[in-house]
Amino acid sequence: MENNLDFNLATSEQIESVLCEQLANIRLTSNLTQADLAQRAGVSLPTIKRMEKGAGISLNTFIRVLQALGLSGNLTTLLPDPTIRPMERVAARGTERKRSRPKRSPDVPPTPWKWGDEKGNDK
């Protein structure tokens, strides 16, 4: 199901409802029952049912469910690193390396480029 909710304008209850609905959809696409998810997350079955209804869960339960679904790696994108200021991020974009180049060996001089029509060419 596609979600068009603007999180900047939504209430915390609306956001919670959408997130819990997404977790339920992920559970279903992972072919897990509510009981399976409850067991993997280490929470009770009524807690999973309450979560999927959007009735409210603790942050601890939310994290446990993400871990059980293999989504805990996404938590790092929730909050940016506070030690890096937004303007520093913008300034650093131009200096990020996009490609790597092997280092030349200092004892082997580069071969000069030739057109191929120099004198002495027998072709």
PDB file of N, CA and C in Angstrom:
ATOM      1  N   MET A   1       0.835  -1.177   0.000  1.00  0.00           N
ATOM      2  CA  MET A   1       0.000   0.000   0.000  1.00  0.00           C
ATOM      3  C   MET A   1       0.879   1.240   0.000  1.00  0.00           C
ATOM      4  N   GLU A   2       0.566   2.172  -0.857  1.00  0.00           N
ATOM      5  CA  GLU A   2       1.349   3.395  -0.953  1.00  0.00           C
ATOM      6  C   GLU A   2       0.828   4.402   0.052  1.00  0.00           C
ATOM      7  N   ASN A   3       1.743   5.105   0.695  1.00  0.00           N
ATOM      8  CA  ASN A   3       1.372   6.064   1.718  1.00  0.00           C
ATOM      9  C   ASN A   3       1.685   7.461   1.216  1.00  0.00           C
ATOM     10  N   ASN A   4       0.684   8.330   1.242  1.00  0.00           N
ATOM     11  CA  ASN A   4       0.875   9.700   0.791  1.00  0.00           C
ATOM     12  C   ASN A   4       0.820  10.689   1.943  1.00  0.00           C
ATOM     13  N   LEU A   5       0.970  10.223   3.162  1.00  0.00           N
ATOM     14  CA  LEU A   5       0.893  11.075   4.338  1.00  0.00           C
ATOM     15  C   LEU A   5       2.132  11.958   4.417  1.00  0.00           C
ATOM     16  N   ASP A   6       1.916  13.258   4.574  1.00  0.00           N
ATOM     17  CA  ASP A   6       3.021  14.193   4.762  1.00  0.00           C
ATOM     18  C   ASP A   6       3.385  14.194   6.241  1.00  0.00           C
ATOM     19  N   PHE A   7       4.523  13.603   6.576  1.00  0.00           N
ATOM     20  CA  PHE A   7       4.913  13.473   7.977  1.00  0.00           C
ATOM     21  C   PHE A   7       5.152  14.829   8.636  1.00  0.00           C
ATOM     22  N   ASN A   8       5.420  15.867   7.857  1.00  0.00           N
ATOM     23  CA  ASN A   8       5.620  17.197   8.431  1.00  0.00           C
ATOM     24  C   ASN A   8       4.315  17.795   8.942  1.00  0.00           C
ATOM     25  N   LEU A   9       3.198  17.385   8.362  1.00  0.00           N
ATOM     26  CA  LEU A   9       1.899  17.931   8.740  1.00  0.00           C
ATOM     27  C   LEU A   9       1.068  16.974   9.580  1.00  0.00           C
ATOM     28  N   ALA A  10       1.466  15.724   9.646  1.00  0.00           N
ATOM     29  CA  ALA A  10       0.679  14.698  10.327  1.00  0.00           C
ATOM     30  C   ALA A  10       0.856  14.769  11.839  1.00  0.00           C
ATOM     31  N   THR A  11      -0.147  14.254  12.541  1.00  0.00           N
ATOM     32  CA  THR A  11      -0.039  14.137  13.991  1.00  0.00           C
ATOM     33  C   THR A  11       0.812  12.916  14.322  1.00  0.00           C
ATOM     34  N   SER A  12       1.281  12.849  15.547  1.00  0.00           N
ATOM     35  CA  SER A  12       2.090  11.694  15.947  1.00  0.00           C
ATOM     36  C   SER A  12       1.269  10.410  15.868  1.00  0.00           C
ATOM     37  N   GLU A  13      -0.033  10.492  16.141  1.00  0.00           N
ATOM     38  CA  GLU A  13      -0.899   9.314  16.053  1.00  0.00           C
ATOM     39  C   GLU A  13      -1.024   8.828  14.607  1.00  0.00           C
ATOM     40  N   GLN A  14      -1.118   9.766  13.665  1.00  0.00           N
ATOM     41  CA  GLN A  14      -1.201   9.390  12.247  1.00  0.00           C
ATOM     42  C   GLN A  14       0.095   8.731  11.788  1.00  0.00           C
ATOM     43  N   ILE A  15       1.210   9.287  12.199  1.00  0.00           N
ATOM     44  CA  ILE A  15       2.508   8.712  11.821  1.00  0.00           C
ATOM     45  C   ILE A  15       2.652   7.322  12.415  1.00  0.00           C
ATOM     46  N   GLU A  16       2.284   7.173  13.677  1.00  0.00           N
ATOM     47  CA  GLU A  16       2.362   5.868  14.327  1.00  0.00           C
ATOM     48  C   GLU A  16       1.490   4.855  13.598  1.00  0.00           C
ATOM     49  N   SER A  17       0.306   5.260  13.211  1.00  0.00           N
ATOM     50  CA  SER A  17      -0.606   4.364  12.501  1.00  0.00           C
ATOM     51  C   SER A  17      -0.015   3.909  11.168  1.00  0.00           C
ATOM     52  N   VAL A  18       0.576   4.843  10.435  1.00  0.00           N
ATOM     53  CA  VAL A  18       1.174   4.514   9.137  1.00  0.00           C
ATOM     54  C   VAL A  18       2.368   3.579   9.319  1.00  0.00           C
ATOM     55  N   LEU A  19       3.225   3.867  10.295  1.00  0.00           N
ATOM     56  CA  LEU A  19       4.395   3.016  10.531  1.00  0.00           C
ATOM     57  C   LEU A  19       3.980   1.606  10.932  1.00  0.00           C
ATOM     58  N   CYS A  20       2.975   1.513  11.790  1.00  0.00           N
ATOM     59  CA  CYS A  20       2.510   0.193  12.223  1.00  0.00           C
ATOM     60  C   CYS A  20       1.864  -0.571  11.073  1.00  0.00           C
ATOM     61  N   GLU A  21       1.167   0.141  10.206  1.00  0.00           N
ATOM     62  CA  GLU A  21       0.584  -0.500   9.019  1.00  0.00           C
ATOM     63  C   GLU A  21       1.690  -1.011   8.099  1.00  0.00           C
ATOM     64  N   GLN A  22       2.744  -0.231   7.953  1.00  0.00           N
ATOM     65  CA  GLN A  22       3.869  -0.669   7.122  1.00  0.00           C
ATOM     66  C   GLN A  22       4.550  -1.891   7.725  1.00  0.00           C
ATOM     67  N   LEU A  23       4.684  -1.920   9.046  1.00  0.00           N
ATOM     68  CA  LEU A  23       5.275  -3.091   9.693  1.00  0.00           C
ATOM     69  C   LEU A  23       4.412  -4.325   9.475  1.00  0.00           C
ATOM     70  N   ALA A  24       3.092  -4.157   9.529  1.00  0.00           N
ATOM     71  CA  ALA A  24       2.189  -5.285   9.279  1.00  0.00           C
ATOM     72  C   ALA A  24       2.348  -5.784   7.846  1.00  0.00           C
ATOM     73  N   ASN A  25       2.466  -4.860   6.893  1.00  0.00           N
ATOM     74  CA  ASN A  25       2.653  -5.257   5.490  1.00  0.00           C
ATOM     75  C   ASN A  25       3.989  -5.965   5.285  1.00  0.00           C
ATOM     76  N   ILE A  26       5.025  -5.496   5.947  1.00  0.00           N
ATOM     77  CA  ILE A  26       6.334  -6.149   5.845  1.00  0.00           C
ATOM     78  C   ILE A  26       6.265  -7.546   6.443  1.00  0.00           C
ATOM     79  N   ARG A  27       5.567  -7.674   7.569  1.00  0.00           N
ATOM     80  CA  ARG A  27       5.399  -8.996   8.187  1.00  0.00           C
ATOM     81  C   ARG A  27       4.711  -9.947   7.220  1.00  0.00           C
ATOM     82  N   LEU A  28       3.658  -9.467   6.568  1.00  0.00           N
ATOM     83  CA  LEU A  28       2.915 -10.320   5.638  1.00  0.00           C
ATOM     84  C   LEU A  28       3.760 -10.698   4.423  1.00  0.00           C
ATOM     85  N   THR A  29       4.513  -9.748   3.878  1.00  0.00           N
ATOM     86  CA  THR A  29       5.358 -10.072   2.720  1.00  0.00           C
ATOM     87  C   THR A  29       6.518 -10.979   3.111  1.00  0.00           C
ATOM     88  N   SER A  30       6.877 -10.971   4.395  1.00  0.00           N
ATOM     89  CA  SER A  30       7.909 -11.885   4.894  1.00  0.00           C
ATOM     90  C   SER A  30       7.331 -13.249   5.232  1.00  0.00           C
ATOM     91  N   ASN A  31       6.026 -13.398   5.021  1.00  0.00           N
ATOM     92  CA  ASN A  31       5.313 -14.655   5.266  1.00  0.00           C
ATOM     93  C   ASN A  31       5.438 -15.103   6.726  1.00  0.00           C
ATOM     94  N   LEU A  32       5.303 -14.143   7.632  1.00  0.00           N
ATOM     95  CA  LEU A  32       5.342 -14.428   9.063  1.00  0.00           C
ATOM     96  C   LEU A  32       3.953 -14.242   9.654  1.00  0.00           C
ATOM     97  N   THR A  33       3.588 -15.115  10.564  1.00  0.00           N
ATOM     98  CA  THR A  33       2.346 -14.910  11.303  1.00  0.00           C
ATOM     99  C   THR A  33       2.619 -13.918  12.425  1.00  0.00           C
ATOM    100  N   GLN A  34       1.542 -13.400  13.005  1.00  0.00           N
ATOM    101  CA  GLN A  34       1.711 -12.507  14.145  1.00  0.00           C
ATOM    102  C   GLN A  34       2.415 -13.236  15.286  1.00  0.00           C
ATOM    103  N   ALA A  35       2.084 -14.505  15.470  1.00  0.00           N
ATOM    104  CA  ALA A  35       2.718 -15.296  16.531  1.00  0.00           C
ATOM    105  C   ALA A  35       4.212 -15.475  16.263  1.00  0.00           C
ATOM    106  N   ASP A  36       4.578 -15.722  14.994  1.00  0.00           N
ATOM    107  CA  ASP A  36       5.999 -15.854  14.640  1.00  0.00           C
ATOM    108  C   ASP A  36       6.760 -14.566  14.952  1.00  0.00           C
ATOM    109  N   LEU A  37       6.171 -13.438  14.549  1.00  0.00           N
ATOM    110  CA  LEU A  37       6.825 -12.152  14.789  1.00  0.00           C
ATOM    111  C   LEU A  37       6.946 -11.879  16.285  1.00  0.00           C
ATOM    112  N   ALA A  38       5.898 -12.192  17.033  1.00  0.00           N
ATOM    113  CA  ALA A  38       5.934 -11.986  18.483  1.00  0.00           C
ATOM    114  C   ALA A  38       7.061 -12.798  19.109  1.00  0.00           C
ATOM    115  N   GLN A  39       7.192 -14.038  18.679  1.00  0.00           N
ATOM    116  CA  GLN A  39       8.244 -14.901  19.227  1.00  0.00           C
ATOM    117  C   GLN A  39       9.626 -14.366  18.861  1.00  0.00           C
ATOM    118  N   ARG A  40       9.821 -13.993  17.598  1.00  0.00           N
ATOM    119  CA  ARG A  40      11.125 -13.472  17.160  1.00  0.00           C
ATOM    120  C   ARG A  40      11.483 -12.174  17.873  1.00  0.00           C
ATOM    121  N   ALA A  41      10.476 -11.328  18.097  1.00  0.00           N
ATOM    122  CA  ALA A  41      10.722 -10.029  18.724  1.00  0.00           C
ATOM    123  C   ALA A  41      10.796 -10.122  20.244  1.00  0.00           C
ATOM    124  N   GLY A  42      10.355 -11.236  20.797  1.00  0.00           N
ATOM    125  CA  GLY A  42      10.379 -11.383  22.247  1.00  0.00           C
ATOM    126  C   GLY A  42       9.310 -10.566  22.944  1.00  0.00           C
ATOM    127  N   VAL A  43       8.167 -10.404  22.268  1.00  0.00           N
ATOM    128  CA  VAL A  43       7.030  -9.687  22.850  1.00  0.00           C
ATOM    129  C   VAL A  43       5.808 -10.590  22.783  1.00  0.00           C
ATOM    130  N   SER A  44       4.742 -10.181  23.432  1.00  0.00           N
ATOM    131  CA  SER A  44       3.542 -11.013  23.448  1.00  0.00           C
ATOM    132  C   SER A  44       2.740 -10.850  22.160  1.00  0.00           C
ATOM    133  N   LEU A  45       1.928 -11.850  21.865  1.00  0.00           N
ATOM    134  CA  LEU A  45       1.055 -11.796  20.689  1.00  0.00           C
ATOM    135  C   LEU A  45       0.079 -10.622  20.776  1.00  0.00           C
ATOM    136  N   PRO A  46      -0.548 -10.361  21.940  1.00  0.00           N
ATOM    137  CA  PRO A  46      -1.429  -9.184  22.016  1.00  0.00           C
ATOM    138  C   PRO A  46      -0.709  -7.865  21.712  1.00  0.00           C
ATOM    139  N   THR A  47       0.582  -7.787  22.031  1.00  0.00           N
ATOM    140  CA  THR A  47       1.351  -6.577  21.722  1.00  0.00           C
ATOM    141  C   THR A  47       1.463  -6.394  20.213  1.00  0.00           C
ATOM    142  N   ILE A  48       1.725  -7.472  19.484  1.00  0.00           N
ATOM    143  CA  ILE A  48       1.814  -7.393  18.017  1.00  0.00           C
ATOM    144  C   ILE A  48       0.455  -7.014  17.436  1.00  0.00           C
ATOM    145  N   LYS A  49      -0.612  -7.607  17.947  1.00  0.00           N
ATOM    146  CA  LYS A  49      -1.959  -7.279  17.459  1.00  0.00           C
ATOM    147  C   LYS A  49      -2.277  -5.810  17.719  1.00  0.00           C
ATOM    148  N   ARG A  50      -1.925  -5.326  18.906  1.00  0.00           N
ATOM    149  CA  ARG A  50      -2.155  -3.922  19.244  1.00  0.00           C
ATOM    150  C   ARG A  50      -1.336  -3.016  18.325  1.00  0.00           C
ATOM    151  N   MET A  51      -0.090  -3.408  18.052  1.00  0.00           N
ATOM    152  CA  MET A  51       0.768  -2.624  17.167  1.00  0.00           C
ATOM    153  C   MET A  51       0.149  -2.521  15.778  1.00  0.00           C
ATOM    154  N   GLU A  52      -0.316  -3.640  15.251  1.00  0.00           N
ATOM    155  CA  GLU A  52      -0.849  -3.641  13.890  1.00  0.00           C
ATOM    156  C   GLU A  52      -2.170  -2.890  13.780  1.00  0.00           C
ATOM    157  N   LYS A  53      -2.843  -2.682  14.897  1.00  0.00           N
ATOM    158  CA  LYS A  53      -4.059  -1.860  14.903  1.00  0.00           C
ATOM    159  C   LYS A  53      -3.718  -0.385  15.071  1.00  0.00           C
ATOM    160  N   GLY A  54      -2.444  -0.099  15.334  1.00  0.00           N
ATOM    161  CA  GLY A  54      -2.025   1.284  15.545  1.00  0.00           C
ATOM    162  C   GLY A  54      -2.428   1.801  16.910  1.00  0.00           C
ATOM    163  N   ALA A  55      -2.618   0.888  17.863  1.00  0.00           N
ATOM    164  CA  ALA A  55      -3.104   1.266  19.190  1.00  0.00           C
ATOM    165  C   ALA A  55      -1.998   1.721  20.127  1.00  0.00           C
ATOM    166  N   GLY A  56      -0.783   1.736  19.689  1.00  0.00           N
ATOM    167  CA  GLY A  56       0.306   2.252  20.510  1.00  0.00           C
ATOM    168  C   GLY A  56       1.207   1.163  21.059  1.00  0.00           C
ATOM    169  N   ILE A  57       2.495   1.354  20.881  1.00  0.00           N
ATOM    170  CA  ILE A  57       3.501   0.442  21.421  1.00  0.00           C
ATOM    171  C   ILE A  57       4.652   1.284  21.945  1.00  0.00           C
ATOM    172  N   SER A  58       5.489   0.669  22.744  1.00  0.00           N
ATOM    173  CA  SER A  58       6.650   1.388  23.275  1.00  0.00           C
ATOM    174  C   SER A  58       7.755   1.447  22.221  1.00  0.00           C
ATOM    175  N   LEU A  59       8.684   2.352  22.433  1.00  0.00           N
ATOM    176  CA  LEU A  59       9.840   2.447  21.537  1.00  0.00           C
ATOM    177  C   LEU A  59      10.645   1.156  21.578  1.00  0.00           C
ATOM    178  N   ASN A  60      10.758   0.562  22.750  1.00  0.00           N
ATOM    179  CA  ASN A  60      11.475  -0.698  22.902  1.00  0.00           C
ATOM    180  C   ASN A  60      10.836  -1.788  22.034  1.00  0.00           C
ATOM    181  N   THR A  61       9.516  -1.876  22.054  1.00  0.00           N
ATOM    182  CA  THR A  61       8.817  -2.872  21.236  1.00  0.00           C
ATOM    183  C   THR A  61       9.023  -2.586  19.756  1.00  0.00           C
ATOM    184  N   PHE A  62       8.952  -1.325  19.377  1.00  0.00           N
ATOM    185  CA  PHE A  62       9.158  -0.933  17.982  1.00  0.00           C
ATOM    186  C   PHE A  62      10.538  -1.393  17.507  1.00  0.00           C
ATOM    187  N   ILE A  63      11.560  -1.161  18.316  1.00  0.00           N
ATOM    188  CA  ILE A  63      12.923  -1.566  17.953  1.00  0.00           C
ATOM    189  C   ILE A  63      13.033  -3.082  17.872  1.00  0.00           C
ATOM    190  N   ARG A  64      12.428  -3.789  18.812  1.00  0.00           N
ATOM    191  CA  ARG A  64      12.460  -5.255  18.792  1.00  0.00           C
ATOM    192  C   ARG A  64      11.807  -5.807  17.525  1.00  0.00           C
ATOM    193  N   VAL A  65      10.693  -5.205  17.119  1.00  0.00           N
ATOM    194  CA  VAL A  65      10.003  -5.658  15.907  1.00  0.00           C
ATOM    195  C   VAL A  65      10.868  -5.383  14.680  1.00  0.00           C
ATOM    196  N   LEU A  66      11.498  -4.206  14.629  1.00  0.00           N
ATOM    197  CA  LEU A  66      12.400  -3.907  13.511  1.00  0.00           C
ATOM    198  C   LEU A  66      13.538  -4.923  13.446  1.00  0.00           C
ATOM    199  N   GLN A  67      14.100  -5.256  14.597  1.00  0.00           N
ATOM    200  CA  GLN A  67      15.179  -6.246  14.630  1.00  0.00           C
ATOM    201  C   GLN A  67      14.677  -7.605  14.159  1.00  0.00           C
ATOM    202  N   ALA A  68      13.497  -7.990  14.587  1.00  0.00           N
ATOM    203  CA  ALA A  68      12.943  -9.289  14.204  1.00  0.00           C
ATOM    204  C   ALA A  68      12.661  -9.366  12.712  1.00  0.00           C
ATOM    205  N   LEU A  69      12.339  -8.229  12.105  1.00  0.00           N
ATOM    206  CA  LEU A  69      12.070  -8.186  10.665  1.00  0.00           C
ATOM    207  C   LEU A  69      13.332  -7.914   9.848  1.00  0.00           C
ATOM    208  N   GLY A  70      14.476  -7.758  10.514  1.00  0.00           N
ATOM    209  CA  GLY A  70      15.729  -7.493   9.812  1.00  0.00           C
ATOM    210  C   GLY A  70      15.843  -6.068   9.314  1.00  0.00           C
ATOM    211  N   LEU A  71      15.165  -5.140   9.970  1.00  0.00           N
ATOM    212  CA  LEU A  71      15.152  -3.748   9.522  1.00  0.00           C
ATOM    213  C   LEU A  71      15.879  -2.798  10.463  1.00  0.00           C
ATOM    214  N   SER A  72      16.582  -3.323  11.446  1.00  0.00           N
ATOM    215  CA  SER A  72      17.208  -2.445  12.438  1.00  0.00           C
ATOM    216  C   SER A  72      18.306  -1.571  11.835  1.00  0.00           C
ATOM    217  N   GLY A  73      18.870  -1.966  10.713  1.00  0.00           N
ATOM    218  CA  GLY A  73      19.871  -1.136  10.046  1.00  0.00           C
ATOM    219  C   GLY A  73      19.309   0.188   9.570  1.00  0.00           C
ATOM    220  N   ASN A  74      17.997   0.253   9.381  1.00  0.00           N
ATOM    221  CA  ASN A  74      17.360   1.494   8.932  1.00  0.00           C
ATOM    222  C   ASN A  74      17.275   2.538  10.040  1.00  0.00           C
ATOM    223  N   LEU A  75      17.511   2.141  11.270  1.00  0.00           N
ATOM    224  CA  LEU A  75      17.404   3.084  12.383  1.00  0.00           C
ATOM    225  C   LEU A  75      18.446   4.194  12.300  1.00  0.00           C
ATOM    226  N   THR A  76      19.591   3.925  11.700  1.00  0.00           N
ATOM    227  CA  THR A  76      20.643   4.941  11.622  1.00  0.00           C
ATOM    228  C   THR A  76      20.250   6.107  10.727  1.00  0.00           C
ATOM    229  N   THR A  77      19.298   5.898   9.833  1.00  0.00           N
ATOM    230  CA  THR A  77      18.876   6.982   8.950  1.00  0.00           C
ATOM    231  C   THR A  77      17.822   7.875   9.587  1.00  0.00           C
ATOM    232  N   LEU A  78      17.293   7.471  10.730  1.00  0.00           N
ATOM    233  CA  LEU A  78      16.275   8.286  11.392  1.00  0.00           C
ATOM    234  C   LEU A  78      16.822   9.619  11.876  1.00  0.00           C
ATOM    235  N   LEU A  79      18.002   9.582  12.452  1.00  0.00           N
ATOM    236  CA  LEU A  79      18.579  10.786  13.033  1.00  0.00           C
ATOM    237  C   LEU A  79      19.958  11.032  12.437  1.00  0.00           C
ATOM    238  N   PRO A  80      20.178  12.207  11.837  1.00  0.00           N
ATOM    239  CA  PRO A  80      21.493  12.489  11.256  1.00  0.00           C
ATOM    240  C   PRO A  80      22.535  12.705  12.348  1.00  0.00           C
ATOM    241  N   ASP A  81      23.785  12.566  11.974  1.00  0.00           N
ATOM    242  CA  ASP A  81      24.898  12.770  12.896  1.00  0.00           C
ATOM    243  C   ASP A  81      24.923  14.241  13.313  1.00  0.00           C
ATOM    244  N   PRO A  82      24.756  14.541  14.603  1.00  0.00           N
ATOM    245  CA  PRO A  82      24.704  15.943  15.026  1.00  0.00           C
ATOM    246  C   PRO A  82      26.051  16.653  14.975  1.00  0.00           C
ATOM    247  N   THR A  83      27.130  15.915  14.832  1.00  0.00           N
ATOM    248  CA  THR A  83      28.442  16.555  14.792  1.00  0.00           C
ATOM    249  C   THR A  83      28.743  17.155  13.426  1.00  0.00           C
ATOM    250  N   ILE A  84      27.963  16.799  12.426  1.00  0.00           N
ATOM    251  CA  ILE A  84      28.160  17.349  11.085  1.00  0.00           C
ATOM    252  C   ILE A  84      27.033  18.333  10.807  1.00  0.00           C
ATOM    253  N   ARG A  85      27.392  19.576  10.592  1.00  0.00           N
ATOM    254  CA  ARG A  85      26.393  20.614  10.330  1.00  0.00           C
ATOM    255  C   ARG A  85      25.921  20.516   8.879  1.00  0.00           C
ATOM    256  N   PRO A  86      24.683  20.940   8.617  1.00  0.00           N
ATOM    257  CA  PRO A  86      24.154  20.850   7.244  1.00  0.00           C
ATOM    258  C   PRO A  86      25.026  21.547   6.207  1.00  0.00           C
ATOM    259  N   MET A  87      25.567  22.718   6.542  1.00  0.00           N
ATOM    260  CA  MET A  87      26.406  23.429   5.571  1.00  0.00           C
ATOM    261  C   MET A  87      27.704  22.670   5.316  1.00  0.00           C
ATOM    262  N   GLU A  88      28.206  21.971   6.317  1.00  0.00           N
ATOM    263  CA  GLU A  88      29.407  21.159   6.122  1.00  0.00           C
ATOM    264  C   GLU A  88      29.115  20.001   5.181  1.00  0.00           C
ATOM    265  N   ARG A  89      27.913  19.438   5.288  1.00  0.00           N
ATOM    266  CA  ARG A  89      27.533  18.361   4.370  1.00  0.00           C
ATOM    267  C   ARG A  89      27.511  18.865   2.932  1.00  0.00           C
ATOM    268  N   VAL A  90      26.932  20.053   2.739  1.00  0.00           N
ATOM    269  CA  VAL A  90      26.854  20.625   1.390  1.00  0.00           C
ATOM    270  C   VAL A  90      28.251  20.908   0.861  1.00  0.00           C
ATOM    271  N   ALA A  91      29.099  21.493   1.696  1.00  0.00           N
ATOM    272  CA  ALA A  91      30.462  21.816   1.268  1.00  0.00           C
ATOM    273  C   ALA A  91      31.265  20.557   0.980  1.00  0.00           C
ATOM    274  N   ALA A  92      31.035  19.508   1.729  1.00  0.00           N
ATOM    275  CA  ALA A  92      31.799  18.271   1.552  1.00  0.00           C
ATOM    276  C   ALA A  92      31.389  17.512   0.305  1.00  0.00           C
ATOM    277  N   ARG A  93      30.223  17.777  -0.211  1.00  0.00           N
ATOM    278  CA  ARG A  93      29.753  17.034  -1.391  1.00  0.00           C
ATOM    279  C   ARG A  93      30.677  17.200  -2.579  1.00  0.00           C
ATOM    280  N   GLY A  94      31.197  18.393  -2.769  1.00  0.00           N
ATOM    281  CA  GLY A  94      32.070  18.608  -3.909  1.00  0.00           C
ATOM    282  C   GLY A  94      33.432  17.961  -3.757  1.00  0.00           C
ATOM    283  N   THR A  95      33.824  17.636  -2.542  1.00  0.00           N
ATOM    284  CA  THR A  95      35.153  17.081  -2.321  1.00  0.00           C
ATOM    285  C   THR A  95      35.147  15.570  -2.147  1.00  0.00           C
ATOM    286  N   GLU A  96      33.980  14.962  -2.163  1.00  0.00           N
ATOM    287  CA  GLU A  96      33.932  13.511  -2.029  1.00  0.00           C
ATOM    288  C   GLU A  96      34.539  12.863  -3.262  1.00  0.00           C
ATOM    289  N   ARG A  97      35.317  11.820  -3.041  1.00  0.00           N
ATOM    290  CA  ARG A  97      35.900  11.095  -4.166  1.00  0.00           C
ATOM    291  C   ARG A  97      34.834  10.251  -4.820  1.00  0.00           C
ATOM    292  N   LYS A  98      34.801  10.295  -6.118  1.00  0.00           N
ATOM    293  CA  LYS A  98      33.830   9.519  -6.870  1.00  0.00           C
ATOM    294  C   LYS A  98      34.472   8.305  -7.533  1.00  0.00           C
ATOM    295  N   ARG A  99      35.790   8.381  -7.775  1.00  0.00           N
ATOM    296  CA  ARG A  99      36.509   7.293  -8.430  1.00  0.00           C
ATOM    297  C   ARG A  99      37.855   7.105  -7.760  1.00  0.00           C
ATOM    298  N   SER A 100      38.387   5.931  -7.941  1.00  0.00           N
ATOM    299  CA  SER A 100      39.747   5.694  -7.459  1.00  0.00           C
ATOM    300  C   SER A 100      40.633   5.405  -8.655  1.00  0.00           C
ATOM    301  N   ARG A 101      41.889   5.675  -8.495  1.00  0.00           N
ATOM    302  CA  ARG A 101      42.855   5.460  -9.565  1.00  0.00           C
ATOM    303  C   ARG A 101      44.034   4.718  -8.970  1.00  0.00           C
ATOM    304  N   PRO A 102      44.511   3.682  -9.647  1.00  0.00           N
ATOM    305  CA  PRO A 102      45.666   2.965  -9.103  1.00  0.00           C
ATOM    306  C   PRO A 102      46.889   3.870  -9.106  1.00  0.00           C
ATOM    307  N   LYS A 103      47.713   3.708  -8.092  1.00  0.00           N
ATOM    308  CA  LYS A 103      48.925   4.512  -8.006  1.00  0.00           C
ATOM    309  C   LYS A 103      49.957   3.984  -8.987  1.00  0.00           C
ATOM    310  N   ARG A 104      50.641   4.915  -9.636  1.00  0.00           N
ATOM    311  CA  ARG A 104      51.717   4.526 -10.542  1.00  0.00           C
ATOM    312  C   ARG A 104      52.953   4.208  -9.737  1.00  0.00           C
ATOM    313  N   SER A 105      53.667   3.254 -10.239  1.00  0.00           N
ATOM    314  CA  SER A 105      54.923   2.898  -9.602  1.00  0.00           C
ATOM    315  C   SER A 105      55.925   4.003  -9.907  1.00  0.00           C
ATOM    316  N   PRO A 106      56.592   4.569  -8.906  1.00  0.00           N
ATOM    317  CA  PRO A 106      57.506   5.689  -9.152  1.00  0.00           C
ATOM    318  C   PRO A 106      58.745   5.310  -9.951  1.00  0.00           C
ATOM    319  N   ASP A 107      59.134   4.023  -9.984  1.00  0.00           N
ATOM    320  CA  ASP A 107      60.350   3.640 -10.695  1.00  0.00           C
ATOM    321  C   ASP A 107      60.095   3.351 -12.175  1.00  0.00           C
ATOM    322  N   VAL A 108      58.849   3.312 -12.616  1.00  0.00           N
ATOM    323  CA  VAL A 108      58.543   3.067 -14.023  1.00  0.00           C
ATOM    324  C   VAL A 108      58.025   4.371 -14.624  1.00  0.00           C
ATOM    325  N   PRO A 109      58.824   4.985 -15.520  1.00  0.00           N
ATOM    326  CA  PRO A 109      58.359   6.241 -16.116  1.00  0.00           C
ATOM    327  C   PRO A 109      57.197   5.966 -17.074  1.00  0.00           C
ATOM    328  N   PRO A 110      56.287   6.901 -17.190  1.00  0.00           N
ATOM    329  CA  PRO A 110      55.164   6.698 -18.102  1.00  0.00           C
ATOM    330  C   PRO A 110      55.641   6.663 -19.553  1.00  0.00           C
ATOM    331  N   THR A 111      55.019   5.839 -20.356  1.00  0.00           N
ATOM    332  CA  THR A 111      55.357   5.729 -21.769  1.00  0.00           C
ATOM    333  C   THR A 111      54.750   6.920 -22.498  1.00  0.00           C
ATOM    334  N   PRO A 112      55.570   7.641 -23.298  1.00  0.00           N
ATOM    335  CA  PRO A 112      55.007   8.793 -24.013  1.00  0.00           C
ATOM    336  C   PRO A 112      54.004   8.328 -25.072  1.00  0.00           C
ATOM    337  N   TRP A 113      52.974   9.106 -25.246  1.00  0.00           N
ATOM    338  CA  TRP A 113      51.921   8.785 -26.207  1.00  0.00           C
ATOM    339  C   TRP A 113      52.419   9.060 -27.617  1.00  0.00           C
ATOM    340  N   LYS A 114      52.064   8.196 -28.563  1.00  0.00           N
ATOM    341  CA  LYS A 114      52.503   8.355 -29.950  1.00  0.00           C
ATOM    342  C   LYS A 114      51.298   8.244 -30.866  1.00  0.00           C
ATOM    343  N   TRP A 115      51.385   8.953 -31.990  1.00  0.00           N
ATOM    344  CA  TRP A 115      50.328   8.908 -32.995  1.00  0.00           C
ATOM    345  C   TRP A 115      50.348   7.595 -33.757  1.00  0.00           C
ATOM    346  N   GLY A 116      51.494   7.046 -33.963  1.00  0.00           N
ATOM    347  CA  GLY A 116      51.613   5.808 -34.714  1.00  0.00           C
ATOM    348  C   GLY A 116      52.121   6.013 -36.134  1.00  0.00           C
ATOM    349  N   ASP A 117      52.304   7.262 -36.554  1.00  0.00           N
ATOM    350  CA  ASP A 117      52.798   7.503 -37.907  1.00  0.00           C
ATOM    351  C   ASP A 117      54.219   8.078 -37.884  1.00  0.00           C
ATOM    352  N   GLU A 118      54.959   7.809 -36.822  1.00  0.00           N
ATOM    353  CA  GLU A 118      56.317   8.298 -36.707  1.00  0.00           C
ATOM    354  C   GLU A 118      57.225   7.535 -37.674  1.00  0.00           C
ATOM    355  N   LYS A 119      58.378   8.113 -37.983  1.00  0.00           N
ATOM    356  CA  LYS A 119      59.348   7.464 -38.857  1.00  0.00           C
ATOM    357  C   LYS A 119      59.821   6.181 -38.210  1.00  0.00           C
ATOM    358  N   GLY A 120      60.057   5.202 -39.036  1.00  0.00           N
ATOM    359  CA  GLY A 120      60.539   3.923 -38.552  1.00  0.00           C
ATOM    360  C   GLY A 120      59.399   2.949 -38.287  1.00  0.00           C
ATOM    361  N   ASN A 121      58.208   3.374 -38.530  1.00  0.00           N
ATOM    362  CA  ASN A 121      57.056   2.498 -38.351  1.00  0.00           C
ATOM    363  C   ASN A 121      56.879   1.708 -39.638  1.00  0.00           C
ATOM    364  N   ASP A 122      57.015   0.378 -39.613  1.00  0.00           N
ATOM    365  CA  ASP A 122      57.015  -0.454 -40.808  1.00  0.00           C
ATOM    366  C   ASP A 122      55.619  -0.784 -41.316  1.00  0.00           C
ATOM    367  N   LYS A 123      54.604  -0.377 -40.735  1.00  0.00           N
ATOM    368  CA  LYS A 123      53.252  -0.759 -41.161  1.00  0.00           C
ATOM    369  C   LYS A 123      52.785   0.013 -42.311  1.00  0.00           C
TER     370      LYS A 123
END
